[in-house]
């Protein structure tokens, strides 16, 4: 199986969330750019460029937060048996 298919399958929910965010962002960016420039072509260009970069950044942002959440869960699982976090350095 190709790497792209495996990554897409493993991150299906995150990719769908990223896609919906991308579409909303394009619509908002197009409206704002048109309101500022009054130029349809400029607003379409700006509304496609900036959200595309943001969508890629958002995907990796979500991956980082997901990884941080898993790390925190592992750390809390290794806390002291009493349920309170172990005191380090004492």
PDB file of N, CA and C in Angstrom:
ATOM      1  N   UNK A   1       0.858  -1.184   0.000  1.00  0.00           N
ATOM      2  CA  UNK A   1       0.000   0.000   0.000  1.00  0.00           C
ATOM      3  C   UNK A   1       0.893   1.233   0.000  1.00  0.00           C
ATOM      4  N   UNK A   2       0.516   2.203  -0.742  1.00  0.00           N
ATOM      5  CA  UNK A   2       1.347   3.404  -0.849  1.00  0.00           C
ATOM      6  C   UNK A   2       1.336   4.194   0.467  1.00  0.00           C
ATOM      7  N   UNK A   3       2.390   4.927   0.657  1.00  0.00           N
ATOM      8  CA  UNK A   3       2.538   5.731   1.868  1.00  0.00           C
ATOM      9  C   UNK A   3       1.405   6.753   1.990  1.00  0.00           C
ATOM     10  N   UNK A   4       1.033   7.375   0.877  1.00  0.00           N
ATOM     11  CA  UNK A   4      -0.023   8.401   0.908  1.00  0.00           C
ATOM     12  C   UNK A   4      -1.353   7.793   1.342  1.00  0.00           C
ATOM     13  N   UNK A   5      -1.687   6.617   0.820  1.00  0.00           N
ATOM     14  CA  UNK A   5      -2.951   5.969   1.222  1.00  0.00           C
ATOM     15  C   UNK A   5      -2.938   5.600   2.699  1.00  0.00           C
ATOM     16  N   UNK A   6      -1.811   5.096   3.171  1.00  0.00           N
ATOM     17  CA  UNK A   6      -1.721   4.701   4.576  1.00  0.00           C
ATOM     18  C   UNK A   6      -1.865   5.923   5.482  1.00  0.00           C
ATOM     19  N   UNK A   7      -1.176   7.001   5.145  1.00  0.00           N
ATOM     20  CA  UNK A   7      -1.271   8.236   5.941  1.00  0.00           C
ATOM     21  C   UNK A   7      -2.698   8.783   5.900  1.00  0.00           C
ATOM     22  N   UNK A   8      -3.319   8.771   4.721  1.00  0.00           N
ATOM     23  CA  UNK A   8      -4.697   9.267   4.594  1.00  0.00           C
ATOM     24  C   UNK A   8      -5.659   8.423   5.423  1.00  0.00           C
ATOM     25  N   UNK A   9      -5.481   7.123   5.408  1.00  0.00           N
ATOM     26  CA  UNK A   9      -6.363   6.239   6.162  1.00  0.00           C
ATOM     27  C   UNK A   9      -6.169   6.440   7.664  1.00  0.00           C
ATOM     28  N   UNK A  10      -4.937   6.609   8.096  1.00  0.00           N
ATOM     29  CA  UNK A  10      -4.650   6.781   9.521  1.00  0.00           C
ATOM     30  C   UNK A  10      -5.133   8.136  10.045  1.00  0.00           C
ATOM     31  N   UNK A  11      -5.247   9.107   9.161  1.00  0.00           N
ATOM     32  CA  UNK A  11      -5.610  10.469   9.575  1.00  0.00           C
ATOM     33  C   UNK A  11      -6.910  10.931   8.937  1.00  0.00           C
ATOM     34  N   UNK A  12      -7.813  10.016   8.666  1.00  0.00           N
ATOM     35  CA  UNK A  12      -9.030  10.339   7.921  1.00  0.00           C
ATOM     36  C   UNK A  12      -9.852  11.442   8.588  1.00  0.00           C
ATOM     37  N   UNK A  13     -10.095  11.328   9.887  1.00  0.00           N
ATOM     38  CA  UNK A  13     -10.911  12.335  10.574  1.00  0.00           C
ATOM     39  C   UNK A  13     -10.218  13.694  10.558  1.00  0.00           C
ATOM     40  N   UNK A  14      -8.914  13.693  10.825  1.00  0.00           N
ATOM     41  CA  UNK A  14      -8.175  14.950  10.839  1.00  0.00           C
ATOM     42  C   UNK A  14      -8.152  15.583   9.448  1.00  0.00           C
ATOM     43  N   UNK A  15      -8.023  14.778   8.411  1.00  0.00           N
ATOM     44  CA  UNK A  15      -8.030  15.315   7.048  1.00  0.00           C
ATOM     45  C   UNK A  15      -9.406  15.875   6.677  1.00  0.00           C
ATOM     46  N   UNK A  16     -10.481  15.215   7.121  1.00  0.00           N
ATOM     47  CA  UNK A  16     -11.832  15.738   6.857  1.00  0.00           C
ATOM     48  C   UNK A  16     -12.029  17.069   7.586  1.00  0.00           C
ATOM     49  N   UNK A  17     -11.554  17.153   8.817  1.00  0.00           N
ATOM     50  CA  UNK A  17     -11.653  18.395   9.579  1.00  0.00           C
ATOM     51  C   UNK A  17     -10.847  19.496   8.895  1.00  0.00           C
ATOM     52  N   UNK A  18      -9.664  19.148   8.427  1.00  0.00           N
ATOM     53  CA  UNK A  18      -8.822  20.105   7.724  1.00  0.00           C
ATOM     54  C   UNK A  18      -9.504  20.578   6.445  1.00  0.00           C
ATOM     55  N   UNK A  19     -10.146  19.667   5.717  1.00  0.00           N
ATOM     56  CA  UNK A  19     -10.842  20.021   4.478  1.00  0.00           C
ATOM     57  C   UNK A  19     -12.005  20.970   4.710  1.00  0.00           C
ATOM     58  N   UNK A  20     -12.796  20.704   5.741  1.00  0.00           N
ATOM     59  CA  UNK A  20     -13.929  21.594   6.017  1.00  0.00           C
ATOM     60  C   UNK A  20     -13.439  22.968   6.464  1.00  0.00           C
ATOM     61  N   UNK A  21     -12.374  22.986   7.258  1.00  0.00           N
ATOM     62  CA  UNK A  21     -11.762  24.244   7.681  1.00  0.00           C
ATOM     63  C   UNK A  21     -11.267  25.016   6.447  1.00  0.00           C
ATOM     64  N   UNK A  22     -10.677  24.301   5.516  1.00  0.00           N
ATOM     65  CA  UNK A  22     -10.146  24.898   4.293  1.00  0.00           C
ATOM     66  C   UNK A  22     -11.259  25.586   3.490  1.00  0.00           C
ATOM     67  N   UNK A  23     -12.380  24.906   3.307  1.00  0.00           N
ATOM     68  CA  UNK A  23     -13.487  25.484   2.537  1.00  0.00           C
ATOM     69  C   UNK A  23     -14.066  26.724   3.200  1.00  0.00           C
ATOM     70  N   UNK A  24     -14.257  26.668   4.502  1.00  0.00           N
ATOM     71  CA  UNK A  24     -14.776  27.838   5.220  1.00  0.00           C
ATOM     72  C   UNK A  24     -13.786  28.992   5.123  1.00  0.00           C
ATOM     73  N   UNK A  25     -12.513  28.668   5.267  1.00  0.00           N
ATOM     74  CA  UNK A  25     -11.483  29.705   5.221  1.00  0.00           C
ATOM     75  C   UNK A  25     -11.439  30.373   3.842  1.00  0.00           C
ATOM     76  N   UNK A  26     -11.584  29.599   2.780  1.00  0.00           N
ATOM     77  CA  UNK A  26     -11.591  30.174   1.428  1.00  0.00           C
ATOM     78  C   UNK A  26     -12.754  31.156   1.266  1.00  0.00           C
ATOM     79  N   UNK A  27     -13.927  30.764   1.732  1.00  0.00           N
ATOM     80  CA  UNK A  27     -15.096  31.643   1.603  1.00  0.00           C
ATOM     81  C   UNK A  27     -14.901  32.946   2.370  1.00  0.00           C
ATOM     82  N   UNK A  28     -14.440  32.843   3.600  1.00  0.00           N
ATOM     83  CA  UNK A  28     -14.222  34.050   4.412  1.00  0.00           C
ATOM     84  C   UNK A  28     -13.131  34.919   3.793  1.00  0.00           C
ATOM     85  N   UNK A  29     -12.032  34.291   3.374  1.00  0.00           N
ATOM     86  CA  UNK A  29     -10.925  35.051   2.782  1.00  0.00           C
ATOM     87  C   UNK A  29     -11.363  35.745   1.500  1.00  0.00           C
ATOM     88  N   UNK A  30     -12.178  35.089   0.684  1.00  0.00           N
ATOM     89  CA  UNK A  30     -12.643  35.696  -0.562  1.00  0.00           C
ATOM     90  C   UNK A  30     -13.508  36.921  -0.274  1.00  0.00           C
ATOM     91  N   UNK A  31     -14.393  36.799   0.693  1.00  0.00           N
ATOM     92  CA  UNK A  31     -15.257  37.934   1.042  1.00  0.00           C
ATOM     93  C   UNK A  31     -14.441  39.106   1.593  1.00  0.00           C
ATOM     94  N   UNK A  32     -13.500  38.823   2.462  1.00  0.00           N
ATOM     95  CA  UNK A  32     -12.674  39.881   3.038  1.00  0.00           C
ATOM     96  C   UNK A  32     -11.806  40.526   1.959  1.00  0.00           C
ATOM     97  N   UNK A  33     -11.156  39.702   1.135  1.00  0.00           N
ATOM     98  CA  UNK A  33     -10.283  40.234   0.087  1.00  0.00           C
ATOM     99  C   UNK A  33     -11.073  41.075  -0.911  1.00  0.00           C
ATOM    100  N   UNK A  34     -12.278  40.642  -1.249  1.00  0.00           N
ATOM    101  CA  UNK A  34     -13.094  41.421  -2.175  1.00  0.00           C
ATOM    102  C   UNK A  34     -13.522  42.747  -1.541  1.00  0.00           C
ATOM    103  N   UNK A  35     -13.865  42.687  -0.251  1.00  0.00           N
ATOM    104  CA  UNK A  35     -14.266  43.915   0.446  1.00  0.00           C
ATOM    105  C   UNK A  35     -13.101  44.912   0.500  1.00  0.00           C
ATOM    106  N   UNK A  36     -11.893  44.420   0.621  1.00  0.00           N
ATOM    107  CA  UNK A  36     -10.726  45.295   0.718  1.00  0.00           C
ATOM    108  C   UNK A  36     -10.276  45.789  -0.655  1.00  0.00           C
ATOM    109  N   UNK A  37     -10.222  44.880  -1.640  1.00  0.00           N
ATOM    110  CA  UNK A  37      -9.657  45.242  -2.948  1.00  0.00           C
ATOM    111  C   UNK A  37     -10.700  45.700  -3.955  1.00  0.00           C
ATOM    112  N   UNK A  38     -11.908  45.164  -3.855  1.00  0.00           N
ATOM    113  CA  UNK A  38     -12.933  45.448  -4.859  1.00  0.00           C
ATOM    114  C   UNK A  38     -12.642  44.768  -6.187  1.00  0.00           C
ATOM    115  N   UNK A  39     -11.657  43.885  -6.206  1.00  0.00           N
ATOM    116  CA  UNK A  39     -11.229  43.212  -7.427  1.00  0.00           C
ATOM    117  C   UNK A  39     -11.493  41.719  -7.278  1.00  0.00           C
ATOM    118  N   UNK A  40     -12.324  41.162  -8.169  1.00  0.00           N
ATOM    119  CA  UNK A  40     -12.706  39.750  -8.074  1.00  0.00           C
ATOM    120  C   UNK A  40     -11.505  38.827  -8.243  1.00  0.00           C
ATOM    121  N   UNK A  41     -10.649  39.085  -9.245  1.00  0.00           N
ATOM    122  CA  UNK A  41      -9.494  38.211  -9.489  1.00  0.00           C
ATOM    123  C   UNK A  41      -8.498  38.254  -8.343  1.00  0.00           C
ATOM    124  N   UNK A  42      -8.244  39.424  -7.815  1.00  0.00           N
ATOM    125  CA  UNK A  42      -7.325  39.546  -6.679  1.00  0.00           C
ATOM    126  C   UNK A  42      -7.894  38.814  -5.459  1.00  0.00           C
ATOM    127  N   UNK A  43      -9.194  38.960  -5.236  1.00  0.00           N
ATOM    128  CA  UNK A  43      -9.796  38.306  -4.070  1.00  0.00           C
ATOM    129  C   UNK A  43      -9.774  36.787  -4.219  1.00  0.00           C
ATOM    130  N   UNK A  44      -9.996  36.277  -5.429  1.00  0.00           N
ATOM    131  CA  UNK A  44      -9.936  34.825  -5.640  1.00  0.00           C
ATOM    132  C   UNK A  44      -8.519  34.298  -5.467  1.00  0.00           C
ATOM    133  N   UNK A  45      -7.546  35.031  -5.987  1.00  0.00           N
ATOM    134  CA  UNK A  45      -6.146  34.611  -5.842  1.00  0.00           C
ATOM    135  C   UNK A  45      -5.749  34.586  -4.374  1.00  0.00           C
ATOM    136  N   UNK A  46      -6.031  35.646  -3.652  1.00  0.00           N
ATOM    137  CA  UNK A  46      -5.698  35.702  -2.230  1.00  0.00           C
ATOM    138  C   UNK A  46      -6.447  34.646  -1.437  1.00  0.00           C
ATOM    139  N   UNK A  47      -7.701  34.429  -1.788  1.00  0.00           N
ATOM    140  CA  UNK A  47      -8.510  33.484  -1.017  1.00  0.00           C
ATOM    141  C   UNK A  47      -8.104  32.043  -1.255  1.00  0.00           C
ATOM    142  N   UNK A  48      -7.422  31.741  -2.338  1.00  0.00           N
ATOM    143  CA  UNK A  48      -6.933  30.382  -2.569  1.00  0.00           C
ATOM    144  C   UNK A  48      -5.524  30.176  -2.026  1.00  0.00           C
ATOM    145  N   UNK A  49      -4.692  31.186  -2.103  1.00  0.00           N
ATOM    146  CA  UNK A  49      -3.302  31.051  -1.670  1.00  0.00           C
ATOM    147  C   UNK A  49      -3.175  30.937  -0.150  1.00  0.00           C
ATOM    148  N   UNK A  50      -3.683  31.900   0.550  1.00  0.00           N
ATOM    149  CA  UNK A  50      -3.491  31.934   2.002  1.00  0.00           C
ATOM    150  C   UNK A  50      -4.151  30.751   2.712  1.00  0.00           C
ATOM    151  N   UNK A  51      -5.406  30.392   2.432  1.00  0.00           N
ATOM    152  CA  UNK A  51      -6.000  29.234   3.109  1.00  0.00           C
ATOM    153  C   UNK A  51      -5.316  27.910   2.780  1.00  0.00           C
ATOM    154  N   UNK A  52      -4.736  27.802   1.596  1.00  0.00           N
ATOM    155  CA  UNK A  52      -4.026  26.573   1.254  1.00  0.00           C
ATOM    156  C   UNK A  52      -2.821  26.399   2.173  1.00  0.00           C
ATOM    157  N   UNK A  53      -2.076  27.453   2.368  1.00  0.00           N
ATOM    158  CA  UNK A  53      -0.934  27.401   3.285  1.00  0.00           C
ATOM    159  C   UNK A  53      -1.421  27.143   4.712  1.00  0.00           C
ATOM    160  N   UNK A  54      -2.500  27.795   5.109  1.00  0.00           N
ATOM    161  CA  UNK A  54      -3.057  27.604   6.449  1.00  0.00           C
ATOM    162  C   UNK A  54      -3.543  26.172   6.668  1.00  0.00           C
ATOM    163  N   UNK A  55      -4.141  25.557   5.658  1.00  0.00           N
ATOM    164  CA  UNK A  55      -4.652  24.191   5.801  1.00  0.00           C
ATOM    165  C   UNK A  55      -3.516  23.209   6.046  1.00  0.00           C
ATOM    166  N   UNK A  56      -2.422  23.386   5.344  1.00  0.00           N
ATOM    167  CA  UNK A  56      -1.261  22.515   5.551  1.00  0.00           C
ATOM    168  C   UNK A  56      -0.707  22.733   6.963  1.00  0.00           C
ATOM    169  N   UNK A  57      -0.591  23.977   7.369  1.00  0.00           N
ATOM    170  CA  UNK A  57      -0.102  24.280   8.710  1.00  0.00           C
ATOM    171  C   UNK A  57      -1.054  23.723   9.771  1.00  0.00           C
ATOM    172  N   UNK A  58      -2.357  23.813   9.531  1.00  0.00           N
ATOM    173  CA  UNK A  58      -3.360  23.317  10.478  1.00  0.00           C
ATOM    174  C   UNK A  58      -3.219  21.807  10.660  1.00  0.00           C
ATOM    175  N   UNK A  59      -3.006  21.066   9.571  1.00  0.00           N
ATOM    176  CA  UNK A  59      -2.860  19.616   9.651  1.00  0.00           C
ATOM    177  C   UNK A  59      -1.704  19.257  10.583  1.00  0.00           C
ATOM    178  N   UNK A  60      -0.545  19.890  10.392  1.00  0.00           N
ATOM    179  CA  UNK A  60       0.602  19.581  11.226  1.00  0.00           C
ATOM    180  C   UNK A  60       0.433  20.094  12.653  1.00  0.00           C
ATOM    181  N   UNK A  61      -0.302  21.182  12.809  1.00  0.00           N
ATOM    182  CA  UNK A  61      -0.638  21.688  14.134  1.00  0.00           C
ATOM    183  C   UNK A  61      -1.471  20.662  14.892  1.00  0.00           C
ATOM    184  N   UNK A  62      -2.472  20.101  14.236  1.00  0.00           N
ATOM    185  CA  UNK A  62      -3.307  19.080  14.853  1.00  0.00           C
ATOM    186  C   UNK A  62      -2.504  17.830  15.189  1.00  0.00           C
ATOM    187  N   UNK A  63      -1.587  17.434  14.304  1.00  0.00           N
ATOM    188  CA  UNK A  63      -0.731  16.275  14.561  1.00  0.00           C
ATOM    189  C   UNK A  63       0.116  16.514  15.820  1.00  0.00           C
ATOM    190  N   UNK A  64       0.657  17.711  15.971  1.00  0.00           N
ATOM    191  CA  UNK A  64       1.485  18.025  17.135  1.00  0.00           C
ATOM    192  C   UNK A  64       0.655  17.976  18.419  1.00  0.00           C
ATOM    193  N   UNK A  65      -0.560  18.521  18.387  1.00  0.00           N
ATOM    194  CA  UNK A  65      -1.418  18.484  19.568  1.00  0.00           C
ATOM    195  C   UNK A  65      -1.840  17.058  19.899  1.00  0.00           C
ATOM    196  N   UNK A  66      -2.098  16.264  18.885  1.00  0.00           N
ATOM    197  CA  UNK A  66      -2.451  14.864  19.100  1.00  0.00           C
ATOM    198  C   UNK A  66      -1.293  14.127  19.769  1.00  0.00           C
ATOM    199  N   UNK A  67      -0.090  14.350  19.282  1.00  0.00           N
ATOM    200  CA  UNK A  67       1.096  13.717  19.858  1.00  0.00           C
ATOM    201  C   UNK A  67       1.296  14.175  21.305  1.00  0.00           C
ATOM    202  N   UNK A  68       1.098  15.458  21.577  1.00  0.00           N
ATOM    203  CA  UNK A  68       1.239  15.979  22.939  1.00  0.00           C
ATOM    204  C   UNK A  68       0.198  15.361  23.867  1.00  0.00           C
ATOM    205  N   UNK A  69      -1.007  15.157  23.373  1.00  0.00           N
ATOM    206  CA  UNK A  69      -2.056  14.524  24.176  1.00  0.00           C
ATOM    207  C   UNK A  69      -1.716  13.084  24.521  1.00  0.00           C
ATOM    208  N   UNK A  70      -1.171  12.361  23.554  1.00  0.00           N
ATOM    209  CA  UNK A  70      -0.770  10.977  23.816  1.00  0.00           C
ATOM    210  C   UNK A  70       0.376  10.932  24.827  1.00  0.00           C
ATOM    211  N   UNK A  71       1.321  11.867  24.700  1.00  0.00           N
ATOM    212  CA  UNK A  71       2.445  11.923  25.636  1.00  0.00           C
ATOM    213  C   UNK A  71       1.943  12.215  27.051  1.00  0.00           C
ATOM    214  N   UNK A  72       1.005  13.139  27.193  1.00  0.00           N
ATOM    215  CA  UNK A  72       0.458  13.475  28.507  1.00  0.00           C
ATOM    216  C   UNK A  72      -0.298  12.290  29.093  1.00  0.00           C
ATOM    217  N   UNK A  73      -1.005  11.553  28.251  1.00  0.00           N
ATOM    218  CA  UNK A  73      -1.742  10.376  28.723  1.00  0.00           C
ATOM    219  C   UNK A  73      -0.775   9.303  29.221  1.00  0.00           C
ATOM    220  N   UNK A  74       0.339   9.130  28.504  1.00  0.00           N
ATOM    221  CA  UNK A  74       1.339   8.148  28.943  1.00  0.00           C
ATOM    222  C   UNK A  74       1.954   8.564  30.271  1.00  0.00           C
ATOM    223  N   UNK A  75       2.224   9.859  30.421  1.00  0.00           N
ATOM    224  CA  UNK A  75       2.819  10.338  31.665  1.00  0.00           C
ATOM    225  C   UNK A  75       1.862  10.188  32.836  1.00  0.00           C
ATOM    226  N   UNK A  76       0.578  10.444  32.620  1.00  0.00           N
ATOM    227  CA  UNK A  76      -0.384  10.307  33.709  1.00  0.00           C
ATOM    228  C   UNK A  76      -0.611   8.836  34.049  1.00  0.00           C
ATOM    229  N   UNK A  77      -0.434   7.949  33.073  1.00  0.00           N
ATOM    230  CA  UNK A  77      -0.574   6.522  33.331  1.00  0.00           C
ATOM    231  C   UNK A  77       0.577   6.001  34.171  1.00  0.00           C
ATOM    232  N   UNK A  78       1.725   6.665  34.118  1.00  0.00           N
ATOM    233  CA  UNK A  78       2.884   6.231  34.897  1.00  0.00           C
ATOM    234  C   UNK A  78       3.017   7.011  36.195  1.00  0.00           C
ATOM    235  N   UNK A  79       1.972   7.768  36.571  1.00  0.00           N
ATOM    236  CA  UNK A  79       1.992   8.529  37.821  1.00  0.00           C
ATOM    237  C   UNK A  79       1.955   7.556  38.992  1.00  0.00           C
ATOM    238  N   UNK A  80       2.136   8.077  40.196  1.00  0.00           N
ATOM    239  CA  UNK A  80       2.157   7.227  41.387  1.00  0.00           C
ATOM    240  C   UNK A  80       0.834   6.492  41.536  1.00  0.00           C
ATOM    241  N   UNK A  81       0.838   5.312  42.168  1.00  0.00           N
ATOM    242  CA  UNK A  81      -0.376   4.491  42.297  1.00  0.00           C
ATOM    243  C   UNK A  81      -1.507   5.164  43.058  1.00  0.00           C
ATOM    244  N   UNK A  82      -1.227   6.170  43.877  1.00  0.00           N
ATOM    245  CA  UNK A  82      -2.279   6.826  44.648  1.00  0.00           C
ATOM    246  C   UNK A  82      -3.168   7.707  43.781  1.00  0.00           C
ATOM    247  N   UNK A  83      -2.778   7.884  42.523  1.00  0.00           N
ATOM    248  CA  UNK A  83      -3.578   8.708  41.627  1.00  0.00           C
ATOM    249  C   UNK A  83      -3.051  10.117  41.506  1.00  0.00           C
ATOM    250  N   UNK A  84      -2.199  10.534  42.455  1.00  0.00           N
ATOM    251  CA  UNK A  84      -1.621  11.866  42.359  1.00  0.00           C
ATOM    252  C   UNK A  84      -0.285  11.768  41.636  1.00  0.00           C
ATOM    253  N   UNK A  85       0.089  12.804  40.943  1.00  0.00           N
ATOM    254  CA  UNK A  85       1.351  12.751  40.207  1.00  0.00           C
ATOM    255  C   UNK A  85       2.532  12.547  41.144  1.00  0.00           C
ATOM    256  N   UNK A  86       3.496  11.827  40.688  1.00  0.00           N
ATOM    257  CA  UNK A  86       4.703  11.582  41.481  1.00  0.00           C
ATOM    258  C   UNK A  86       5.496  12.884  41.602  1.00  0.00           C
ATOM    259  N   UNK A  87       6.036  13.120  42.764  1.00  0.00           N
ATOM    260  CA  UNK A  87       6.858  14.321  42.990  1.00  0.00           C
ATOM    261  C   UNK A  87       8.276  13.977  42.600  1.00  0.00           C
ATOM    262  N   UNK A  88       8.801  14.733  41.689  1.00  0.00           N
ATOM    263  CA  UNK A  88      10.146  14.463  41.202  1.00  0.00           C
ATOM    264  C   UNK A  88      11.142  15.362  41.896  1.00  0.00           C
ATOM    265  N   UNK A  89      12.328  14.839  42.108  1.00  0.00           N
ATOM    266  CA  UNK A  89      13.395  15.641  42.692  1.00  0.00           C
ATOM    267  C   UNK A  89      13.348  15.707  44.194  1.00  0.00           C
ATOM    268  N   UNK A  90      12.508  14.942  44.850  1.00  0.00           N
ATOM    269  CA  UNK A  90      12.434  14.962  46.320  1.00  0.00           C
ATOM    270  C   UNK A  90      12.954  13.664  46.842  1.00  0.00           C
TER     271      UNK A  90
END
